[in-house]
């Protein structure tokens, strides 16, 4: 379960959420600047920047949705136990079974080393 929790962390999703927060902060700052500004040309520039940020926000939100959908569905302890017990029932002389075992455990070791 610990390995699953570590591997399910998504750096790209975290970065997108950070970008969204930053974008929203910038929009808030521009709205405050518009409220304080008396110069018509400056206000127009602020409106243009605000529109660009709002479009960026839509793109970031779409990317977040796509990234969340790409994440694996929730796995609990019983799922992991079932999977591991099913590995016990394999034929050790079957080359495909050997490949599955190697892939599963090598990937687990690599993901532990990376994190």
PDB file of N, CA and C in Angstrom:
ATOM      1  N   UNK A   1       0.826  -1.192   0.000  1.00  0.00           N
ATOM      2  CA  UNK A   1       0.000   0.000   0.000  1.00  0.00           C
ATOM      3  C   UNK A   1       0.870   1.256   0.000  1.00  0.00           C
ATOM      4  N   UNK A   2       1.975   1.204   0.730  1.00  0.00           N
ATOM      5  CA  UNK A   2       2.870   2.359   0.767  1.00  0.00           C
ATOM      6  C   UNK A   2       3.453   2.628  -0.608  1.00  0.00           C
ATOM      7  N   UNK A   3       3.817   1.563  -1.308  1.00  0.00           N
ATOM      8  CA  UNK A   3       4.366   1.724  -2.660  1.00  0.00           C
ATOM      9  C   UNK A   3       3.306   2.314  -3.579  1.00  0.00           C
ATOM     10  N   UNK A   4       2.075   1.828  -3.462  1.00  0.00           N
ATOM     11  CA  UNK A   4       0.994   2.361  -4.295  1.00  0.00           C
ATOM     12  C   UNK A   4       0.777   3.842  -4.016  1.00  0.00           C
ATOM     13  N   UNK A   5       0.754   4.206  -2.751  1.00  0.00           N
ATOM     14  CA  UNK A   5       0.528   5.618  -2.397  1.00  0.00           C
ATOM     15  C   UNK A   5       1.635   6.507  -2.967  1.00  0.00           C
ATOM     16  N   UNK A   6       2.874   6.017  -2.896  1.00  0.00           N
ATOM     17  CA  UNK A   6       3.994   6.803  -3.428  1.00  0.00           C
ATOM     18  C   UNK A   6       3.901   6.923  -4.942  1.00  0.00           C
ATOM     19  N   UNK A   7       3.537   5.840  -5.600  1.00  0.00           N
ATOM     20  CA  UNK A   7       3.502   5.854  -7.059  1.00  0.00           C
ATOM     21  C   UNK A   7       2.299   6.597  -7.611  1.00  0.00           C
ATOM     22  N   UNK A   8       1.254   6.757  -6.798  1.00  0.00           N
ATOM     23  CA  UNK A   8       0.057   7.421  -7.294  1.00  0.00           C
ATOM     24  C   UNK A   8       0.159   8.942  -7.225  1.00  0.00           C
ATOM     25  N   UNK A   9       1.210   9.441  -6.605  1.00  0.00           N
ATOM     26  CA  UNK A   9       1.406  10.894  -6.589  1.00  0.00           C
ATOM     27  C   UNK A   9       1.756  11.342  -7.995  1.00  0.00           C
ATOM     28  N   UNK A  10       1.115  12.420  -8.407  1.00  0.00           N
ATOM     29  CA  UNK A  10       1.281  12.860  -9.783  1.00  0.00           C
ATOM     30  C   UNK A  10       1.885  14.255  -9.800  1.00  0.00           C
ATOM     31  N   UNK A  11       3.145  14.334 -10.173  1.00  0.00           N
ATOM     32  CA  UNK A  11       3.837  15.623 -10.205  1.00  0.00           C
ATOM     33  C   UNK A  11       3.223  16.593 -11.205  1.00  0.00           C
ATOM     34  N   UNK A  12       2.772  16.064 -12.343  1.00  0.00           N
ATOM     35  CA  UNK A  12       2.176  16.932 -13.356  1.00  0.00           C
ATOM     36  C   UNK A  12       0.880  17.544 -12.838  1.00  0.00           C
ATOM     37  N   UNK A  13       0.071  16.754 -12.154  1.00  0.00           N
ATOM     38  CA  UNK A  13      -1.185  17.266 -11.601  1.00  0.00           C
ATOM     39  C   UNK A  13      -0.902  18.325 -10.546  1.00  0.00           C
ATOM     40  N   UNK A  14       0.086  18.076  -9.706  1.00  0.00           N
ATOM     41  CA  UNK A  14       0.464  19.055  -8.685  1.00  0.00           C
ATOM     42  C   UNK A  14       0.909  20.370  -9.332  1.00  0.00           C
ATOM     43  N   UNK A  15       1.684  20.256 -10.402  1.00  0.00           N
ATOM     44  CA  UNK A  15       2.158  21.453 -11.107  1.00  0.00           C
ATOM     45  C   UNK A  15       0.991  22.211 -11.732  1.00  0.00           C
ATOM     46  N   UNK A  16       0.042  21.502 -12.310  1.00  0.00           N
ATOM     47  CA  UNK A  16      -1.134  22.151 -12.908  1.00  0.00           C
ATOM     48  C   UNK A  16      -1.958  22.876 -11.850  1.00  0.00           C
ATOM     49  N   UNK A  17      -2.118  22.250 -10.703  1.00  0.00           N
ATOM     50  CA  UNK A  17      -2.873  22.898  -9.620  1.00  0.00           C
ATOM     51  C   UNK A  17      -2.148  24.138  -9.120  1.00  0.00           C
ATOM     52  N   UNK A  18      -0.827  24.070  -9.093  1.00  0.00           N
ATOM     53  CA  UNK A  18      -0.027  25.242  -8.701  1.00  0.00           C
ATOM     54  C   UNK A  18      -0.208  26.365  -9.727  1.00  0.00           C
ATOM     55  N   UNK A  19      -0.194  25.999 -11.017  1.00  0.00           N
ATOM     56  CA  UNK A  19      -0.412  26.986 -12.073  1.00  0.00           C
ATOM     57  C   UNK A  19      -1.791  27.620 -11.952  1.00  0.00           C
ATOM     58  N   UNK A  20      -2.803  26.814 -11.627  1.00  0.00           N
ATOM     59  CA  UNK A  20      -4.157  27.337 -11.480  1.00  0.00           C
ATOM     60  C   UNK A  20      -4.233  28.337 -10.330  1.00  0.00           C
ATOM     61  N   UNK A  21      -3.628  27.997  -9.213  1.00  0.00           N
ATOM     62  CA  UNK A  21      -3.611  28.898  -8.058  1.00  0.00           C
ATOM     63  C   UNK A  21      -2.900  30.204  -8.402  1.00  0.00           C
ATOM     64  N   UNK A  22      -1.780  30.102  -9.095  1.00  0.00           N
ATOM     65  CA  UNK A  22      -1.018  31.282  -9.496  1.00  0.00           C
ATOM     66  C   UNK A  22      -1.841  32.147 -10.455  1.00  0.00           C
ATOM     67  N   UNK A  23      -2.511  31.507 -11.398  1.00  0.00           N
ATOM     68  CA  UNK A  23      -3.352  32.222 -12.359  1.00  0.00           C
ATOM     69  C   UNK A  23      -4.475  32.968 -11.637  1.00  0.00           C
ATOM     70  N   UNK A  24      -5.115  32.306 -10.689  1.00  0.00           N
ATOM     71  CA  UNK A  24      -6.213  32.928  -9.951  1.00  0.00           C
ATOM     72  C   UNK A  24      -5.723  34.103  -9.110  1.00  0.00           C
ATOM     73  N   UNK A  25      -4.524  33.961  -8.559  1.00  0.00           N
ATOM     74  CA  UNK A  25      -3.930  35.067  -7.779  1.00  0.00           C
ATOM     75  C   UNK A  25      -3.687  36.271  -8.684  1.00  0.00           C
ATOM     76  N   UNK A  26      -3.147  36.012  -9.878  1.00  0.00           N
ATOM     77  CA  UNK A  26      -2.890  37.101 -10.825  1.00  0.00           C
ATOM     78  C   UNK A  26      -4.195  37.784 -11.234  1.00  0.00           C
ATOM     79  N   UNK A  27      -5.237  37.000 -11.459  1.00  0.00           N
ATOM     80  CA  UNK A  27      -6.532  37.584 -11.830  1.00  0.00           C
ATOM     81  C   UNK A  27      -7.055  38.474 -10.711  1.00  0.00           C
ATOM     82  N   UNK A  28      -6.924  38.009  -9.498  1.00  0.00           N
ATOM     83  CA  UNK A  28      -7.375  38.790  -8.348  1.00  0.00           C
ATOM     84  C   UNK A  28      -6.611  40.106  -8.253  1.00  0.00           C
ATOM     85  N   UNK A  29      -5.306  40.046  -8.483  1.00  0.00           N
ATOM     86  CA  UNK A  29      -4.488  41.269  -8.443  1.00  0.00           C
ATOM     87  C   UNK A  29      -4.904  42.251  -9.534  1.00  0.00           C
ATOM     88  N   UNK A  30      -5.191  41.739 -10.706  1.00  0.00           N
ATOM     89  CA  UNK A  30      -5.605  42.622 -11.808  1.00  0.00           C
ATOM     90  C   UNK A  30      -6.955  43.249 -11.513  1.00  0.00           C
ATOM     91  N   UNK A  31      -7.865  42.488 -10.947  1.00  0.00           N
ATOM     92  CA  UNK A  31      -9.184  43.043 -10.603  1.00  0.00           C
ATOM     93  C   UNK A  31      -9.033  44.169  -9.594  1.00  0.00           C
ATOM     94  N   UNK A  32      -8.154  43.978  -8.621  1.00  0.00           N
ATOM     95  CA  UNK A  32      -7.892  45.041  -7.648  1.00  0.00           C
ATOM     96  C   UNK A  32      -7.276  46.263  -8.331  1.00  0.00           C
ATOM     97  N   UNK A  33      -6.371  46.037  -9.274  1.00  0.00           N
ATOM     98  CA  UNK A  33      -5.729  47.140  -9.995  1.00  0.00           C
ATOM     99  C   UNK A  33      -6.758  47.910 -10.831  1.00  0.00           C
ATOM    100  N   UNK A  34      -7.679  47.190 -11.437  1.00  0.00           N
ATOM    101  CA  UNK A  34      -8.734  47.852 -12.233  1.00  0.00           C
ATOM    102  C   UNK A  34      -9.574  48.742 -11.336  1.00  0.00           C
ATOM    103  N   UNK A  35      -9.902  48.236 -10.159  1.00  0.00           N
ATOM    104  CA  UNK A  35     -10.730  49.011  -9.234  1.00  0.00           C
ATOM    105  C   UNK A  35     -10.031  50.273  -8.762  1.00  0.00           C
ATOM    106  N   UNK A  36      -8.721  50.244  -8.674  1.00  0.00           N
ATOM    107  CA  UNK A  36      -7.952  51.396  -8.185  1.00  0.00           C
ATOM    108  C   UNK A  36      -7.513  52.353  -9.290  1.00  0.00           C
ATOM    109  N   UNK A  37      -7.599  51.929 -10.532  1.00  0.00           N
ATOM    110  CA  UNK A  37      -7.035  52.702 -11.639  1.00  0.00           C
ATOM    111  C   UNK A  37      -8.046  53.714 -12.194  1.00  0.00           C
ATOM    112  N   UNK A  38      -7.569  54.947 -12.421  1.00  0.00           N
ATOM    113  CA  UNK A  38      -8.407  55.993 -13.005  1.00  0.00           C
ATOM    114  C   UNK A  38      -8.085  56.215 -14.484  1.00  0.00           C
ATOM    115  N   UNK A  39      -6.965  55.700 -14.961  1.00  0.00           N
ATOM    116  CA  UNK A  39      -6.531  55.899 -16.331  1.00  0.00           C
ATOM    117  C   UNK A  39      -7.236  54.887 -17.243  1.00  0.00           C
ATOM    118  N   UNK A  40      -7.960  55.413 -18.245  1.00  0.00           N
ATOM    119  CA  UNK A  40      -8.753  54.564 -19.144  1.00  0.00           C
ATOM    120  C   UNK A  40      -7.873  53.598 -19.942  1.00  0.00           C
ATOM    121  N   UNK A  41      -6.736  54.056 -20.452  1.00  0.00           N
ATOM    122  CA  UNK A  41      -5.841  53.195 -21.232  1.00  0.00           C
ATOM    123  C   UNK A  41      -5.266  52.064 -20.380  1.00  0.00           C
ATOM    124  N   UNK A  42      -4.886  52.387 -19.170  1.00  0.00           N
ATOM    125  CA  UNK A  42      -4.349  51.374 -18.259  1.00  0.00           C
ATOM    126  C   UNK A  42      -5.423  50.336 -17.936  1.00  0.00           C
ATOM    127  N   UNK A  43      -6.631  50.804 -17.706  1.00  0.00           N
ATOM    128  CA  UNK A  43      -7.722  49.875 -17.400  1.00  0.00           C
ATOM    129  C   UNK A  43      -7.950  48.923 -18.572  1.00  0.00           C
ATOM    130  N   UNK A  44      -7.865  49.456 -19.794  1.00  0.00           N
ATOM    131  CA  UNK A  44      -8.050  48.623 -20.975  1.00  0.00           C
ATOM    132  C   UNK A  44      -6.963  47.549 -21.053  1.00  0.00           C
ATOM    133  N   UNK A  45      -5.734  47.941 -20.715  1.00  0.00           N
ATOM    134  CA  UNK A  45      -4.635  46.968 -20.677  1.00  0.00           C
ATOM    135  C   UNK A  45      -4.895  45.878 -19.630  1.00  0.00           C
ATOM    136  N   UNK A  46      -5.402  46.301 -18.496  1.00  0.00           N
ATOM    137  CA  UNK A  46      -5.730  45.340 -17.445  1.00  0.00           C
ATOM    138  C   UNK A  46      -6.824  44.373 -17.910  1.00  0.00           C
ATOM    139  N   UNK A  47      -7.843  44.903 -18.584  1.00  0.00           N
ATOM    140  CA  UNK A  47      -8.921  44.046 -19.090  1.00  0.00           C
ATOM    141  C   UNK A  47      -8.375  43.011 -20.087  1.00  0.00           C
ATOM    142  N   UNK A  48      -7.457  43.444 -20.927  1.00  0.00           N
ATOM    143  CA  UNK A  48      -6.854  42.532 -21.905  1.00  0.00           C
ATOM    144  C   UNK A  48      -6.079  41.427 -21.195  1.00  0.00           C
ATOM    145  N   UNK A  49      -5.267  41.810 -20.200  1.00  0.00           N
ATOM    146  CA  UNK A  49      -4.508  40.818 -19.443  1.00  0.00           C
ATOM    147  C   UNK A  49      -5.442  39.865 -18.698  1.00  0.00           C
ATOM    148  N   UNK A  50      -6.522  40.413 -18.155  1.00  0.00           N
ATOM    149  CA  UNK A  50      -7.481  39.594 -17.426  1.00  0.00           C
ATOM    150  C   UNK A  50      -8.127  38.562 -18.353  1.00  0.00           C
ATOM    151  N   UNK A  51      -8.472  38.985 -19.554  1.00  0.00           N
ATOM    152  CA  UNK A  51      -9.072  38.056 -20.529  1.00  0.00           C
ATOM    153  C   UNK A  51      -8.110  36.923 -20.871  1.00  0.00           C
ATOM    154  N   UNK A  52      -6.837  37.264 -21.065  1.00  0.00           N
ATOM    155  CA  UNK A  52      -5.831  36.235 -21.366  1.00  0.00           C
ATOM    156  C   UNK A  52      -5.692  35.252 -20.206  1.00  0.00           C
ATOM    157  N   UNK A  53      -5.683  35.772 -18.994  1.00  0.00           N
ATOM    158  CA  UNK A  53      -5.569  34.904 -17.823  1.00  0.00           C
ATOM    159  C   UNK A  53      -6.789  33.994 -17.678  1.00  0.00           C
ATOM    160  N   UNK A  54      -7.967  34.525 -18.005  1.00  0.00           N
ATOM    161  CA  UNK A  54      -9.182  33.710 -17.922  1.00  0.00           C
ATOM    162  C   UNK A  54      -9.147  32.582 -18.958  1.00  0.00           C
ATOM    163  N   UNK A  55      -8.621  32.868 -20.148  1.00  0.00           N
ATOM    164  CA  UNK A  55      -8.478  31.825 -21.164  1.00  0.00           C
ATOM    165  C   UNK A  55      -7.455  30.779 -20.717  1.00  0.00           C
ATOM    166  N   UNK A  56      -6.357  31.243 -20.145  1.00  0.00           N
ATOM    167  CA  UNK A  56      -5.345  30.331 -19.610  1.00  0.00           C
ATOM    168  C   UNK A  56      -5.955  29.433 -18.537  1.00  0.00           C
ATOM    169  N   UNK A  57      -6.780  30.022 -17.678  1.00  0.00           N
ATOM    170  CA  UNK A  57      -7.402  29.271 -16.603  1.00  0.00           C
ATOM    171  C   UNK A  57      -8.261  28.139 -17.166  1.00  0.00           C
ATOM    172  N   UNK A  58      -9.018  28.422 -18.212  1.00  0.00           N
ATOM    173  CA  UNK A  58      -9.849  27.381 -18.831  1.00  0.00           C
ATOM    174  C   UNK A  58      -8.980  26.232 -19.333  1.00  0.00           C
ATOM    175  N   UNK A  59      -7.858  26.573 -19.968  1.00  0.00           N
ATOM    176  CA  UNK A  59      -6.947  25.544 -20.465  1.00  0.00           C
ATOM    177  C   UNK A  59      -6.346  24.719 -19.339  1.00  0.00           C
ATOM    178  N   UNK A  60      -5.941  25.387 -18.271  1.00  0.00           N
ATOM    179  CA  UNK A  60      -5.365  24.682 -17.123  1.00  0.00           C
ATOM    180  C   UNK A  60      -6.405  23.755 -16.498  1.00  0.00           C
ATOM    181  N   UNK A  61      -7.632  24.249 -16.362  1.00  0.00           N
ATOM    182  CA  UNK A  61      -8.690  23.425 -15.774  1.00  0.00           C
ATOM    183  C   UNK A  61      -8.976  22.188 -16.631  1.00  0.00           C
ATOM    184  N   UNK A  62      -8.948  22.344 -17.958  1.00  0.00           N
ATOM    185  CA  UNK A  62      -9.134  21.185 -18.848  1.00  0.00           C
ATOM    186  C   UNK A  62      -7.995  20.192 -18.666  1.00  0.00           C
ATOM    187  N   UNK A  63      -6.761  20.711 -18.579  1.00  0.00           N
ATOM    188  CA  UNK A  63      -5.602  19.838 -18.384  1.00  0.00           C
ATOM    189  C   UNK A  63      -5.689  19.082 -17.057  1.00  0.00           C
ATOM    190  N   UNK A  64      -6.181  19.755 -16.019  1.00  0.00           N
ATOM    191  CA  UNK A  64      -6.343  19.107 -14.714  1.00  0.00           C
ATOM    192  C   UNK A  64      -7.348  17.966 -14.817  1.00  0.00           C
ATOM    193  N   UNK A  65      -8.459  18.211 -15.486  1.00  0.00           N
ATOM    194  CA  UNK A  65      -9.480  17.174 -15.644  1.00  0.00           C
ATOM    195  C   UNK A  65      -8.906  15.975 -16.395  1.00  0.00           C
ATOM    196  N   UNK A  66      -8.175  16.241 -17.470  1.00  0.00           N
ATOM    197  CA  UNK A  66      -7.577  15.150 -18.246  1.00  0.00           C
ATOM    198  C   UNK A  66      -6.559  14.367 -17.419  1.00  0.00           C
ATOM    199  N   UNK A  67      -5.767  15.077 -16.649  1.00  0.00           N
ATOM    200  CA  UNK A  67      -4.741  14.423 -15.831  1.00  0.00           C
ATOM    201  C   UNK A  67      -5.387  13.589 -14.722  1.00  0.00           C
ATOM    202  N   UNK A  68      -6.471  14.094 -14.131  1.00  0.00           N
ATOM    203  CA  UNK A  68      -7.165  13.338 -13.095  1.00  0.00           C
ATOM    204  C   UNK A  68      -7.796  12.065 -13.669  1.00  0.00           C
ATOM    205  N   UNK A  69      -8.315  12.159 -14.892  1.00  0.00           N
ATOM    206  CA  UNK A  69      -8.896  10.978 -15.528  1.00  0.00           C
ATOM    207  C   UNK A  69      -7.827   9.953 -15.867  1.00  0.00           C
ATOM    208  N   UNK A  70      -6.622  10.406 -16.136  1.00  0.00           N
ATOM    209  CA  UNK A  70      -5.531   9.506 -16.499  1.00  0.00           C
ATOM    210  C   UNK A  70      -4.961   8.758 -15.302  1.00  0.00           C
ATOM    211  N   UNK A  71      -5.240   9.249 -14.102  1.00  0.00           N
ATOM    212  CA  UNK A  71      -4.723   8.584 -12.909  1.00  0.00           C
ATOM    213  C   UNK A  71      -5.451   7.265 -12.697  1.00  0.00           C
ATOM    214  N   UNK A  72      -4.744   6.296 -12.132  1.00  0.00           N
ATOM    215  CA  UNK A  72      -5.394   4.998 -11.886  1.00  0.00           C
ATOM    216  C   UNK A  72      -6.516   5.143 -10.871  1.00  0.00           C
ATOM    217  N   UNK A  73      -7.515   4.295 -11.014  1.00  0.00           N
ATOM    218  CA  UNK A  73      -8.619   4.329 -10.067  1.00  0.00           C
ATOM    219  C   UNK A  73      -8.130   3.874  -8.699  1.00  0.00           C
ATOM    220  N   UNK A  74      -8.926   4.094  -7.713  1.00  0.00           N
ATOM    221  CA  UNK A  74      -8.556   3.803  -6.340  1.00  0.00           C
ATOM    222  C   UNK A  74      -8.277   2.318  -6.146  1.00  0.00           C
ATOM    223  N   UNK A  75      -7.196   2.022  -5.509  1.00  0.00           N
ATOM    224  CA  UNK A  75      -6.815   0.645  -5.192  1.00  0.00           C
ATOM    225  C   UNK A  75      -6.758   0.535  -3.676  1.00  0.00           C
ATOM    226  N   UNK A  76      -7.384  -0.509  -3.151  1.00  0.00           N
ATOM    227  CA  UNK A  76      -7.295  -0.702  -1.702  1.00  0.00           C
ATOM    228  C   UNK A  76      -6.485  -1.960  -1.383  1.00  0.00           C
ATOM    229  N   UNK A  77      -6.342  -2.236  -0.123  1.00  0.00           N
ATOM    230  CA  UNK A  77      -5.490  -3.341   0.315  1.00  0.00           C
ATOM    231  C   UNK A  77      -5.994  -4.689  -0.204  1.00  0.00           C
ATOM    232  N   UNK A  78      -7.303  -4.877  -0.264  1.00  0.00           N
ATOM    233  CA  UNK A  78      -7.835  -6.159  -0.741  1.00  0.00           C
ATOM    234  C   UNK A  78      -7.523  -6.371  -2.224  1.00  0.00           C
ATOM    235  N   UNK A  79      -7.497  -5.290  -3.009  1.00  0.00           N
ATOM    236  CA  UNK A  79      -7.113  -5.412  -4.419  1.00  0.00           C
ATOM    237  C   UNK A  79      -5.670  -5.892  -4.547  1.00  0.00           C
ATOM    238  N   UNK A  80      -4.810  -5.330  -3.738  1.00  0.00           N
ATOM    239  CA  UNK A  80      -3.389  -5.699  -3.789  1.00  0.00           C
ATOM    240  C   UNK A  80      -3.199  -7.148  -3.346  1.00  0.00           C
ATOM    241  N   UNK A  81      -3.887  -7.545  -2.271  1.00  0.00           N
ATOM    242  CA  UNK A  81      -3.783  -8.934  -1.803  1.00  0.00           C
ATOM    243  C   UNK A  81      -4.268  -9.902  -2.876  1.00  0.00           C
ATOM    244  N   UNK A  82      -5.388  -9.566  -3.514  1.00  0.00           N
ATOM    245  CA  UNK A  82      -5.919 -10.425  -4.570  1.00  0.00           C
ATOM    246  C   UNK A  82      -4.907 -10.574  -5.696  1.00  0.00           C
ATOM    247  N   UNK A  83      -4.315  -9.464  -6.112  1.00  0.00           N
ATOM    248  CA  UNK A  83      -3.334  -9.493  -7.199  1.00  0.00           C
ATOM    249  C   UNK A  83      -2.130 -10.348  -6.829  1.00  0.00           C
ATOM    250  N   UNK A  84      -1.615 -10.160  -5.629  1.00  0.00           N
ATOM    251  CA  UNK A  84      -0.436 -10.921  -5.211  1.00  0.00           C
ATOM    252  C   UNK A  84      -0.746 -12.409  -5.059  1.00  0.00           C
ATOM    253  N   UNK A  85      -1.929 -12.730  -4.546  1.00  0.00           N
ATOM    254  CA  UNK A  85      -2.311 -14.144  -4.426  1.00  0.00           C
ATOM    255  C   UNK A  85      -2.493 -14.775  -5.802  1.00  0.00           C
ATOM    256  N   UNK A  86      -2.988 -13.994  -6.755  1.00  0.00           N
ATOM    257  CA  UNK A  86      -3.144 -14.540  -8.108  1.00  0.00           C
ATOM    258  C   UNK A  86      -1.780 -14.819  -8.733  1.00  0.00           C
ATOM    259  N   UNK A  87      -0.765 -14.054  -8.340  1.00  0.00           N
ATOM    260  CA  UNK A  87       0.589 -14.321  -8.830  1.00  0.00           C
ATOM    261  C   UNK A  87       1.121 -15.650  -8.298  1.00  0.00           C
ATOM    262  N   UNK A  88       0.693 -16.043  -7.099  1.00  0.00           N
ATOM    263  CA  UNK A  88       1.143 -17.305  -6.509  1.00  0.00           C
ATOM    264  C   UNK A  88       0.645 -18.507  -7.305  1.00  0.00           C
ATOM    265  N   UNK A  89      -0.458 -18.355  -7.999  1.00  0.00           N
ATOM    266  CA  UNK A  89      -1.088 -19.473  -8.689  1.00  0.00           C
ATOM    267  C   UNK A  89      -0.540 -19.695 -10.092  1.00  0.00           C
ATOM    268  N   UNK A  90       0.415 -18.880 -10.517  1.00  0.00           N
ATOM    269  CA  UNK A  90       0.950 -19.002 -11.867  1.00  0.00           C
ATOM    270  C   UNK A  90       1.853 -20.203 -12.060  1.00  0.00           C
ATOM    271  N   UNK A  91       2.067 -20.544 -13.314  1.00  0.00           N
ATOM    272  CA  UNK A  91       2.946 -21.664 -13.688  1.00  0.00           C
ATOM    273  C   UNK A  91       4.369 -21.136 -13.847  1.00  0.00           C
ATOM    274  N   UNK A  92       5.250 -21.558 -12.984  1.00  0.00           N
ATOM    275  CA  UNK A  92       6.624 -21.060 -12.970  1.00  0.00           C
ATOM    276  C   UNK A  92       7.375 -21.420 -14.254  1.00  0.00           C
ATOM    277  N   UNK A  93       6.910 -22.412 -14.997  1.00  0.00           N
ATOM    278  CA  UNK A  93       7.556 -22.802 -16.252  1.00  0.00           C
ATOM    279  C   UNK A  93       7.056 -21.985 -17.447  1.00  0.00           C
ATOM    280  N   UNK A  94       6.018 -21.190 -17.237  1.00  0.00           N
ATOM    281  CA  UNK A  94       5.445 -20.370 -18.313  1.00  0.00           C
ATOM    282  C   UNK A  94       6.265 -19.083 -18.457  1.00  0.00           C
ATOM    283  N   UNK A  95       6.789 -18.846 -19.649  1.00  0.00           N
ATOM    284  CA  UNK A  95       7.647 -17.672 -19.891  1.00  0.00           C
ATOM    285  C   UNK A  95       6.881 -16.362 -19.684  1.00  0.00           C
ATOM    286  N   UNK A  96       5.610 -16.323 -20.085  1.00  0.00           N
ATOM    287  CA  UNK A  96       4.800 -15.110 -19.889  1.00  0.00           C
ATOM    288  C   UNK A  96       4.596 -14.812 -18.408  1.00  0.00           C
ATOM    289  N   UNK A  97       4.389 -15.859 -17.618  1.00  0.00           N
ATOM    290  CA  UNK A  97       4.248 -15.691 -16.171  1.00  0.00           C
ATOM    291  C   UNK A  97       5.537 -15.133 -15.573  1.00  0.00           C
ATOM    292  N   UNK A  98       6.663 -15.648 -16.014  1.00  0.00           N
ATOM    293  CA  UNK A  98       7.957 -15.146 -15.534  1.00  0.00           C
ATOM    294  C   UNK A  98       8.135 -13.669 -15.871  1.00  0.00           C
ATOM    295  N   UNK A  99       7.739 -13.293 -17.090  1.00  0.00           N
ATOM    296  CA  UNK A  99       7.855 -11.890 -17.505  1.00  0.00           C
ATOM    297  C   UNK A  99       6.985 -10.989 -16.641  1.00  0.00           C
ATOM    298  N   UNK A 100       5.777 -11.442 -16.338  1.00  0.00           N
ATOM    299  CA  UNK A 100       4.873 -10.656 -15.488  1.00  0.00           C
ATOM    300  C   UNK A 100       5.484 -10.457 -14.108  1.00  0.00           C
ATOM    301  N   UNK A 101       6.006 -11.533 -13.526  1.00  0.00           N
ATOM    302  CA  UNK A 101       6.633 -11.426 -12.202  1.00  0.00           C
ATOM    303  C   UNK A 101       7.789 -10.435 -12.209  1.00  0.00           C
ATOM    304  N   UNK A 102       8.638 -10.561 -13.195  1.00  0.00           N
ATOM    305  CA  UNK A 102       9.792  -9.665 -13.279  1.00  0.00           C
ATOM    306  C   UNK A 102       9.332  -8.218 -13.439  1.00  0.00           C
ATOM    307  N   UNK A 103       8.387  -7.980 -14.343  1.00  0.00           N
ATOM    308  CA  UNK A 103       7.901  -6.609 -14.560  1.00  0.00           C
ATOM    309  C   UNK A 103       7.290  -6.018 -13.297  1.00  0.00           C
ATOM    310  N   UNK A 104       6.474  -6.791 -12.615  1.00  0.00           N
ATOM    311  CA  UNK A 104       5.808  -6.293 -11.408  1.00  0.00           C
ATOM    312  C   UNK A 104       6.827  -5.904 -10.349  1.00  0.00           C
ATOM    313  N   UNK A 105       7.740  -6.791 -10.063  1.00  0.00           N
ATOM    314  CA  UNK A 105       8.657  -6.530  -8.966  1.00  0.00           C
ATOM    315  C   UNK A 105       9.787  -5.578  -9.335  1.00  0.00           C
ATOM    316  N   UNK A 106      10.244  -5.602 -10.552  1.00  0.00           N
ATOM    317  CA  UNK A 106      11.270  -4.647 -10.974  1.00  0.00           C
ATOM    318  C   UNK A 106      10.681  -3.243 -10.980  1.00  0.00           C
ATOM    319  N   UNK A 107       9.447  -3.087 -11.498  1.00  0.00           N
ATOM    320  CA  UNK A 107       8.798  -1.772 -11.480  1.00  0.00           C
ATOM    321  C   UNK A 107       8.604  -1.267 -10.051  1.00  0.00           C
ATOM    322  N   UNK A 108       8.272  -2.160  -9.129  1.00  0.00           N
ATOM    323  CA  UNK A 108       8.103  -1.752  -7.728  1.00  0.00           C
ATOM    324  C   UNK A 108       9.422  -1.256  -7.156  1.00  0.00           C
ATOM    325  N   UNK A 109      10.498  -1.948  -7.452  1.00  0.00           N
ATOM    326  CA  UNK A 109      11.812  -1.540  -6.952  1.00  0.00           C
ATOM    327  C   UNK A 109      12.239  -0.218  -7.560  1.00  0.00           C
ATOM    328  N   UNK A 110      12.040  -0.081  -8.850  1.00  0.00           N
ATOM    329  CA  UNK A 110      12.420   1.176  -9.514  1.00  0.00           C
ATOM    330  C   UNK A 110      11.629   2.344  -8.958  1.00  0.00           C
ATOM    331  N   UNK A 111      10.313   2.175  -8.769  1.00  0.00           N
ATOM    332  CA  UNK A 111       9.507   3.287  -8.253  1.00  0.00           C
ATOM    333  C   UNK A 111       9.924   3.652  -6.835  1.00  0.00           C
ATOM    334  N   UNK A 112      10.356   2.670  -6.040  1.00  0.00           N
ATOM    335  CA  UNK A 112      10.835   2.978  -4.686  1.00  0.00           C
ATOM    336  C   UNK A 112      12.135   3.768  -4.738  1.00  0.00           C
ATOM    337  N   UNK A 113      12.989   3.431  -5.692  1.00  0.00           N
ATOM    338  CA  UNK A 113      14.278   4.103  -5.805  1.00  0.00           C
ATOM    339  C   UNK A 113      14.115   5.539  -6.304  1.00  0.00           C
ATOM    340  N   UNK A 114      13.148   5.761  -7.168  1.00  0.00           N
ATOM    341  CA  UNK A 114      12.925   7.097  -7.725  1.00  0.00           C
ATOM    342  C   UNK A 114      12.366   8.037  -6.662  1.00  0.00           C
ATOM    343  N   UNK A 115      11.425   7.544  -5.894  1.00  0.00           N
ATOM    344  CA  UNK A 115      10.786   8.396  -4.880  1.00  0.00           C
ATOM    345  C   UNK A 115      11.697   8.525  -3.707  1.00  0.00           C
TER     346      UNK A 115
END
